[in-house]
Amino acid sequence: MEALTEREREFMNYWEKNRKKEKKLFNQLLVGLPIGILFGAPVLINLFLGWYKRAGMVANTQLSPAVLLTAIALIIAFVAIFSRKHKWEMKEQHYKELKARSEAFRGQSGV
């Protein structure tokens, strides 16, 4: 079993300090907002440019603009939060793997 590299130790230090902050829902929403907008903006652009005429007709007759905007806002929020939660989970898993490897190395070397 080998010791951690400098980059891995830096990641562990960073994650120990910032994991609670990055897990907060509001922080995840704010940081993930750009990716959420990347999913919601094409829907709005498509609707307003009239590329798909039938969708525009249905939106103008059966849905109020408030319902449509609410649905798009919910899509944006869901994608933003989901993407950041996924990223947090990946970092947490990496941290736990490094910590286990570090503890195994310490136990093996008697340090």
N, C-alpha and C. Protein backbone atom coordinates (compact mmCIF):
# COMPACT_ATOMS: atom_id res chain seq x y z
N MET A 1 0.85 -1.18 0.00
CA MET A 1 0.00 0.00 0.00
C MET A 1 0.90 1.24 0.00
N GLU A 2 0.58 2.19 -0.84
CA GLU A 2 1.41 3.38 -0.97
C GLU A 2 0.78 4.58 -0.27
N ALA A 3 1.61 5.51 0.08
CA ALA A 3 1.14 6.73 0.74
C ALA A 3 0.41 7.62 -0.25
N LEU A 4 -0.31 8.59 0.29
CA LEU A 4 -1.05 9.53 -0.56
C LEU A 4 -0.10 10.50 -1.23
N THR A 5 -0.47 10.91 -2.42
CA THR A 5 0.31 11.93 -3.12
C THR A 5 -0.01 13.30 -2.52
N GLU A 6 0.78 14.28 -2.88
CA GLU A 6 0.56 15.65 -2.38
C GLU A 6 -0.81 16.17 -2.81
N ARG A 7 -1.17 15.89 -4.05
CA ARG A 7 -2.47 16.35 -4.57
C ARG A 7 -3.62 15.69 -3.80
N GLU A 8 -3.49 14.43 -3.48
CA GLU A 8 -4.53 13.74 -2.72
C GLU A 8 -4.64 14.29 -1.30
N ARG A 9 -3.51 14.61 -0.68
CA ARG A 9 -3.55 15.22 0.66
C ARG A 9 -4.19 16.61 0.60
N GLU A 10 -3.90 17.36 -0.45
CA GLU A 10 -4.52 18.69 -0.61
C GLU A 10 -6.03 18.56 -0.76
N PHE A 11 -6.45 17.57 -1.56
CA PHE A 11 -7.89 17.35 -1.72
C PHE A 11 -8.54 16.99 -0.38
N MET A 12 -7.91 16.12 0.39
CA MET A 12 -8.47 15.73 1.69
C MET A 12 -8.59 16.92 2.62
N ASN A 13 -7.57 17.77 2.66
CA ASN A 13 -7.63 18.97 3.50
C ASN A 13 -8.74 19.90 3.04
N TYR A 14 -8.83 20.10 1.73
CA TYR A 14 -9.88 20.96 1.17
C TYR A 14 -11.26 20.40 1.52
N TRP A 15 -11.44 19.11 1.32
CA TRP A 15 -12.77 18.51 1.51
C TRP A 15 -13.17 18.49 2.98
N GLU A 16 -12.21 18.29 3.87
CA GLU A 16 -12.53 18.33 5.30
C GLU A 16 -13.03 19.71 5.72
N LYS A 17 -12.49 20.75 5.09
CA LYS A 17 -12.88 22.12 5.43
C LYS A 17 -14.19 22.53 4.75
N ASN A 18 -14.46 22.04 3.54
CA ASN A 18 -15.57 22.56 2.75
C ASN A 18 -16.74 21.60 2.53
N ARG A 19 -16.70 20.41 3.04
CA ARG A 19 -17.75 19.45 2.73
C ARG A 19 -19.10 19.86 3.30
N LYS A 20 -19.14 20.44 4.47
CA LYS A 20 -20.42 20.88 5.06
C LYS A 20 -21.01 22.04 4.25
N LYS A 21 -20.15 22.97 3.85
CA LYS A 21 -20.62 24.13 3.09
C LYS A 21 -21.19 23.69 1.73
N GLU A 22 -20.51 22.78 1.07
CA GLU A 22 -20.94 22.35 -0.26
C GLU A 22 -22.16 21.43 -0.21
N LYS A 23 -22.51 20.94 0.96
CA LYS A 23 -23.68 20.06 1.07
C LYS A 23 -24.97 20.86 1.25
N LYS A 24 -24.88 22.13 1.61
CA LYS A 24 -26.07 22.94 1.84
C LYS A 24 -26.86 23.11 0.54
N LEU A 25 -28.18 22.98 0.65
CA LEU A 25 -29.07 23.01 -0.50
C LEU A 25 -29.00 24.33 -1.25
N PHE A 26 -28.99 25.44 -0.52
CA PHE A 26 -28.97 26.75 -1.17
C PHE A 26 -27.67 26.95 -1.94
N ASN A 27 -26.57 26.52 -1.36
CA ASN A 27 -25.28 26.61 -2.05
C ASN A 27 -25.28 25.76 -3.32
N GLN A 28 -25.84 24.56 -3.24
CA GLN A 28 -25.91 23.69 -4.40
C GLN A 28 -26.76 24.31 -5.50
N LEU A 29 -27.85 24.96 -5.11
CA LEU A 29 -28.70 25.62 -6.09
C LEU A 29 -27.97 26.75 -6.79
N LEU A 30 -27.30 27.59 -6.02
CA LEU A 30 -26.60 28.74 -6.61
C LEU A 30 -25.45 28.31 -7.51
N VAL A 31 -24.67 27.35 -7.07
CA VAL A 31 -23.51 26.92 -7.85
C VAL A 31 -23.96 26.13 -9.08
N GLY A 32 -25.04 25.38 -8.97
CA GLY A 32 -25.51 24.57 -10.08
C GLY A 32 -26.42 25.29 -11.05
N LEU A 33 -26.75 26.55 -10.75
CA LEU A 33 -27.69 27.30 -11.59
C LEU A 33 -27.27 27.40 -13.06
N PRO A 34 -26.02 27.65 -13.37
CA PRO A 34 -25.66 27.73 -14.80
C PRO A 34 -25.98 26.45 -15.59
N ILE A 35 -25.73 25.29 -15.00
CA ILE A 35 -26.04 24.05 -15.72
C ILE A 35 -27.55 23.86 -15.82
N GLY A 36 -28.28 24.30 -14.82
CA GLY A 36 -29.74 24.23 -14.89
C GLY A 36 -30.29 25.13 -15.98
N ILE A 37 -29.71 26.30 -16.11
CA ILE A 37 -30.15 27.23 -17.15
C ILE A 37 -29.84 26.66 -18.54
N LEU A 38 -28.74 25.92 -18.65
CA LEU A 38 -28.43 25.28 -19.93
C LEU A 38 -29.52 24.29 -20.35
N PHE A 39 -30.23 23.73 -19.39
CA PHE A 39 -31.33 22.82 -19.72
C PHE A 39 -32.64 23.56 -19.95
N GLY A 40 -32.89 24.64 -19.22
CA GLY A 40 -34.16 25.35 -19.33
C GLY A 40 -34.21 26.36 -20.46
N ALA A 41 -33.08 26.97 -20.78
CA ALA A 41 -33.06 28.02 -21.81
C ALA A 41 -33.47 27.51 -23.19
N PRO A 42 -33.02 26.34 -23.63
CA PRO A 42 -33.46 25.89 -24.97
C PRO A 42 -34.97 25.72 -25.08
N VAL A 43 -35.63 25.33 -24.00
CA VAL A 43 -37.08 25.19 -24.04
C VAL A 43 -37.72 26.55 -24.29
N LEU A 44 -37.27 27.55 -23.56
CA LEU A 44 -37.80 28.91 -23.76
C LEU A 44 -37.48 29.45 -25.14
N ILE A 45 -36.25 29.25 -25.58
CA ILE A 45 -35.84 29.74 -26.90
C ILE A 45 -36.68 29.07 -27.99
N ASN A 46 -36.86 27.77 -27.87
CA ASN A 46 -37.65 27.03 -28.85
C ASN A 46 -39.09 27.55 -28.88
N LEU A 47 -39.64 27.81 -27.73
CA LEU A 47 -41.03 28.27 -27.65
C LEU A 47 -41.18 29.67 -28.24
N PHE A 48 -40.26 30.56 -27.90
CA PHE A 48 -40.39 31.95 -28.37
C PHE A 48 -40.01 32.13 -29.83
N LEU A 49 -39.12 31.30 -30.34
CA LEU A 49 -38.75 31.41 -31.75
C LEU A 49 -39.78 30.77 -32.67
N GLY A 50 -40.64 29.95 -32.10
CA GLY A 50 -41.69 29.35 -32.90
C GLY A 50 -41.22 28.26 -33.83
N TRP A 51 -40.14 27.60 -33.49
CA TRP A 51 -39.60 26.55 -34.33
C TRP A 51 -40.58 25.40 -34.46
N TYR A 52 -41.20 25.03 -33.36
CA TYR A 52 -42.20 23.96 -33.37
C TYR A 52 -43.56 24.63 -33.16
N LYS A 53 -44.26 24.85 -34.25
CA LYS A 53 -45.49 25.64 -34.23
C LYS A 53 -46.57 25.03 -33.32
N ARG A 54 -46.70 23.73 -33.35
CA ARG A 54 -47.75 23.09 -32.54
C ARG A 54 -47.52 23.35 -31.04
N ALA A 55 -46.26 23.29 -30.60
CA ALA A 55 -45.98 23.55 -29.18
C ALA A 55 -46.37 24.97 -28.82
N GLY A 56 -46.10 25.91 -29.70
CA GLY A 56 -46.50 27.29 -29.45
C GLY A 56 -48.00 27.45 -29.39
N MET A 57 -48.71 26.76 -30.26
CA MET A 57 -50.18 26.84 -30.24
C MET A 57 -50.73 26.26 -28.94
N VAL A 58 -50.21 25.12 -28.53
CA VAL A 58 -50.70 24.49 -27.30
C VAL A 58 -50.39 25.36 -26.09
N ALA A 59 -49.20 25.92 -26.07
CA ALA A 59 -48.80 26.78 -24.94
C ALA A 59 -49.68 28.02 -24.85
N ASN A 60 -50.05 28.56 -25.98
CA ASN A 60 -50.86 29.78 -25.98
C ASN A 60 -52.33 29.52 -25.69
N THR A 61 -52.81 28.30 -25.88
CA THR A 61 -54.23 28.04 -25.66
C THR A 61 -54.51 27.34 -24.34
N GLN A 62 -53.74 26.34 -24.00
CA GLN A 62 -54.08 25.52 -22.85
C GLN A 62 -53.31 25.88 -21.58
N LEU A 63 -52.15 26.47 -21.71
CA LEU A 63 -51.34 26.78 -20.54
C LEU A 63 -51.23 28.29 -20.36
N SER A 64 -51.29 28.70 -19.14
CA SER A 64 -51.00 30.11 -18.91
C SER A 64 -49.49 30.28 -18.89
N PRO A 65 -48.99 31.44 -19.22
CA PRO A 65 -47.53 31.65 -19.18
C PRO A 65 -46.93 31.39 -17.80
N ALA A 66 -47.70 31.63 -16.76
CA ALA A 66 -47.19 31.41 -15.40
C ALA A 66 -46.91 29.92 -15.16
N VAL A 67 -47.77 29.05 -15.67
CA VAL A 67 -47.57 27.61 -15.49
C VAL A 67 -46.32 27.17 -16.25
N LEU A 68 -46.17 27.66 -17.47
CA LEU A 68 -45.02 27.31 -18.28
C LEU A 68 -43.72 27.79 -17.64
N LEU A 69 -43.70 29.03 -17.17
CA LEU A 69 -42.51 29.57 -16.53
C LEU A 69 -42.20 28.84 -15.22
N THR A 70 -43.25 28.48 -14.49
CA THR A 70 -43.05 27.72 -13.25
C THR A 70 -42.43 26.35 -13.55
N ALA A 71 -42.92 25.69 -14.59
CA ALA A 71 -42.38 24.38 -14.96
C ALA A 71 -40.91 24.51 -15.37
N ILE A 72 -40.58 25.52 -16.13
CA ILE A 72 -39.20 25.71 -16.56
C ILE A 72 -38.31 26.05 -15.36
N ALA A 73 -38.81 26.86 -14.44
CA ALA A 73 -38.05 27.19 -13.23
C ALA A 73 -37.80 25.93 -12.39
N LEU A 74 -38.79 25.06 -12.31
CA LEU A 74 -38.62 23.82 -11.56
C LEU A 74 -37.61 22.90 -12.25
N ILE A 75 -37.63 22.86 -13.57
CA ILE A 75 -36.64 22.06 -14.30
C ILE A 75 -35.24 22.59 -14.02
N ILE A 76 -35.09 23.90 -14.09
CA ILE A 76 -33.78 24.52 -13.84
C ILE A 76 -33.30 24.21 -12.42
N ALA A 77 -34.19 24.36 -11.44
CA ALA A 77 -33.81 24.11 -10.04
C ALA A 77 -33.46 22.64 -9.83
N PHE A 78 -34.26 21.73 -10.40
CA PHE A 78 -33.99 20.31 -10.23
C PHE A 78 -32.63 19.94 -10.82
N VAL A 79 -32.37 20.37 -12.03
CA VAL A 79 -31.10 20.02 -12.68
C VAL A 79 -29.93 20.63 -11.91
N ALA A 80 -30.09 21.87 -11.45
CA ALA A 80 -29.02 22.53 -10.70
C ALA A 80 -28.69 21.76 -9.42
N ILE A 81 -29.71 21.44 -8.65
CA ILE A 81 -29.49 20.76 -7.38
C ILE A 81 -29.00 19.33 -7.60
N PHE A 82 -29.61 18.62 -8.54
CA PHE A 82 -29.23 17.24 -8.80
C PHE A 82 -27.78 17.15 -9.25
N SER A 83 -27.36 18.04 -10.15
CA SER A 83 -25.98 17.96 -10.64
C SER A 83 -24.98 18.24 -9.52
N ARG A 84 -25.28 19.21 -8.67
CA ARG A 84 -24.37 19.52 -7.57
C ARG A 84 -24.37 18.43 -6.51
N LYS A 85 -25.53 17.83 -6.23
CA LYS A 85 -25.57 16.72 -5.27
C LYS A 85 -24.74 15.54 -5.79
N HIS A 86 -24.86 15.28 -7.08
CA HIS A 86 -24.08 14.20 -7.68
C HIS A 86 -22.58 14.49 -7.55
N LYS A 87 -22.20 15.71 -7.83
CA LYS A 87 -20.78 16.08 -7.73
C LYS A 87 -20.31 15.97 -6.27
N TRP A 88 -21.15 16.39 -5.32
CA TRP A 88 -20.80 16.29 -3.90
C TRP A 88 -20.61 14.82 -3.53
N GLU A 89 -21.50 13.96 -3.97
CA GLU A 89 -21.39 12.53 -3.66
C GLU A 89 -20.11 11.93 -4.23
N MET A 90 -19.74 12.35 -5.43
CA MET A 90 -18.51 11.84 -6.04
C MET A 90 -17.29 12.28 -5.23
N LYS A 91 -17.26 13.53 -4.80
CA LYS A 91 -16.15 14.02 -3.99
C LYS A 91 -16.11 13.32 -2.64
N GLU A 92 -17.28 13.11 -2.05
CA GLU A 92 -17.35 12.44 -0.75
C GLU A 92 -16.83 11.00 -0.86
N GLN A 93 -17.21 10.33 -1.93
CA GLN A 93 -16.74 8.96 -2.14
C GLN A 93 -15.22 8.93 -2.31
N HIS A 94 -14.70 9.87 -3.09
CA HIS A 94 -13.25 9.95 -3.30
C HIS A 94 -12.54 10.22 -1.97
N TYR A 95 -13.10 11.11 -1.16
CA TYR A 95 -12.54 11.43 0.14
C TYR A 95 -12.49 10.18 1.04
N LYS A 96 -13.59 9.43 1.06
CA LYS A 96 -13.65 8.23 1.90
C LYS A 96 -12.64 7.17 1.44
N GLU A 97 -12.48 7.05 0.12
CA GLU A 97 -11.49 6.10 -0.40
C GLU A 97 -10.08 6.51 -0.01
N LEU A 98 -9.78 7.79 -0.12
CA LEU A 98 -8.45 8.28 0.26
C LEU A 98 -8.21 8.10 1.75
N LYS A 99 -9.24 8.38 2.55
CA LYS A 99 -9.10 8.25 3.99
C LYS A 99 -8.85 6.80 4.38
N ALA A 100 -9.58 5.89 3.76
CA ALA A 100 -9.38 4.46 4.05
C ALA A 100 -7.98 4.02 3.63
N ARG A 101 -7.53 4.50 2.48
CA ARG A 101 -6.19 4.14 2.02
C ARG A 101 -5.13 4.71 2.95
N SER A 102 -5.34 5.93 3.42
CA SER A 102 -4.40 6.57 4.33
C SER A 102 -4.32 5.80 5.65
N GLU A 103 -5.51 5.42 6.18
CA GLU A 103 -5.53 4.67 7.44
C GLU A 103 -4.91 3.29 7.28
N ALA A 104 -5.13 2.66 6.13
CA ALA A 104 -4.52 1.35 5.88
C ALA A 104 -3.02 1.46 5.80
N PHE A 105 -2.52 2.54 5.20
CA PHE A 105 -1.08 2.75 5.09
C PHE A 105 -0.47 3.00 6.47
N ARG A 106 -1.16 3.79 7.29
CA ARG A 106 -0.67 4.07 8.64
C ARG A 106 -0.61 2.80 9.47
N GLY A 107 -1.65 1.96 9.33
CA GLY A 107 -1.68 0.70 10.07
C GLY A 107 -0.60 -0.26 9.63
N GLN A 108 -0.30 -0.23 8.35
CA GLN A 108 0.71 -1.13 7.80
C GLN A 108 2.12 -0.69 8.19
N SER A 109 2.34 0.62 8.15
CA SER A 109 3.70 1.11 8.43
C SER A 109 3.95 1.33 9.91
N GLY A 110 2.86 1.31 10.70
CA GLY A 110 3.03 1.48 12.15
C GLY A 110 3.27 2.93 12.53
N VAL A 111 2.85 3.88 11.69
CA VAL A 111 3.08 5.31 11.95
C VAL A 111 1.96 5.86 12.78
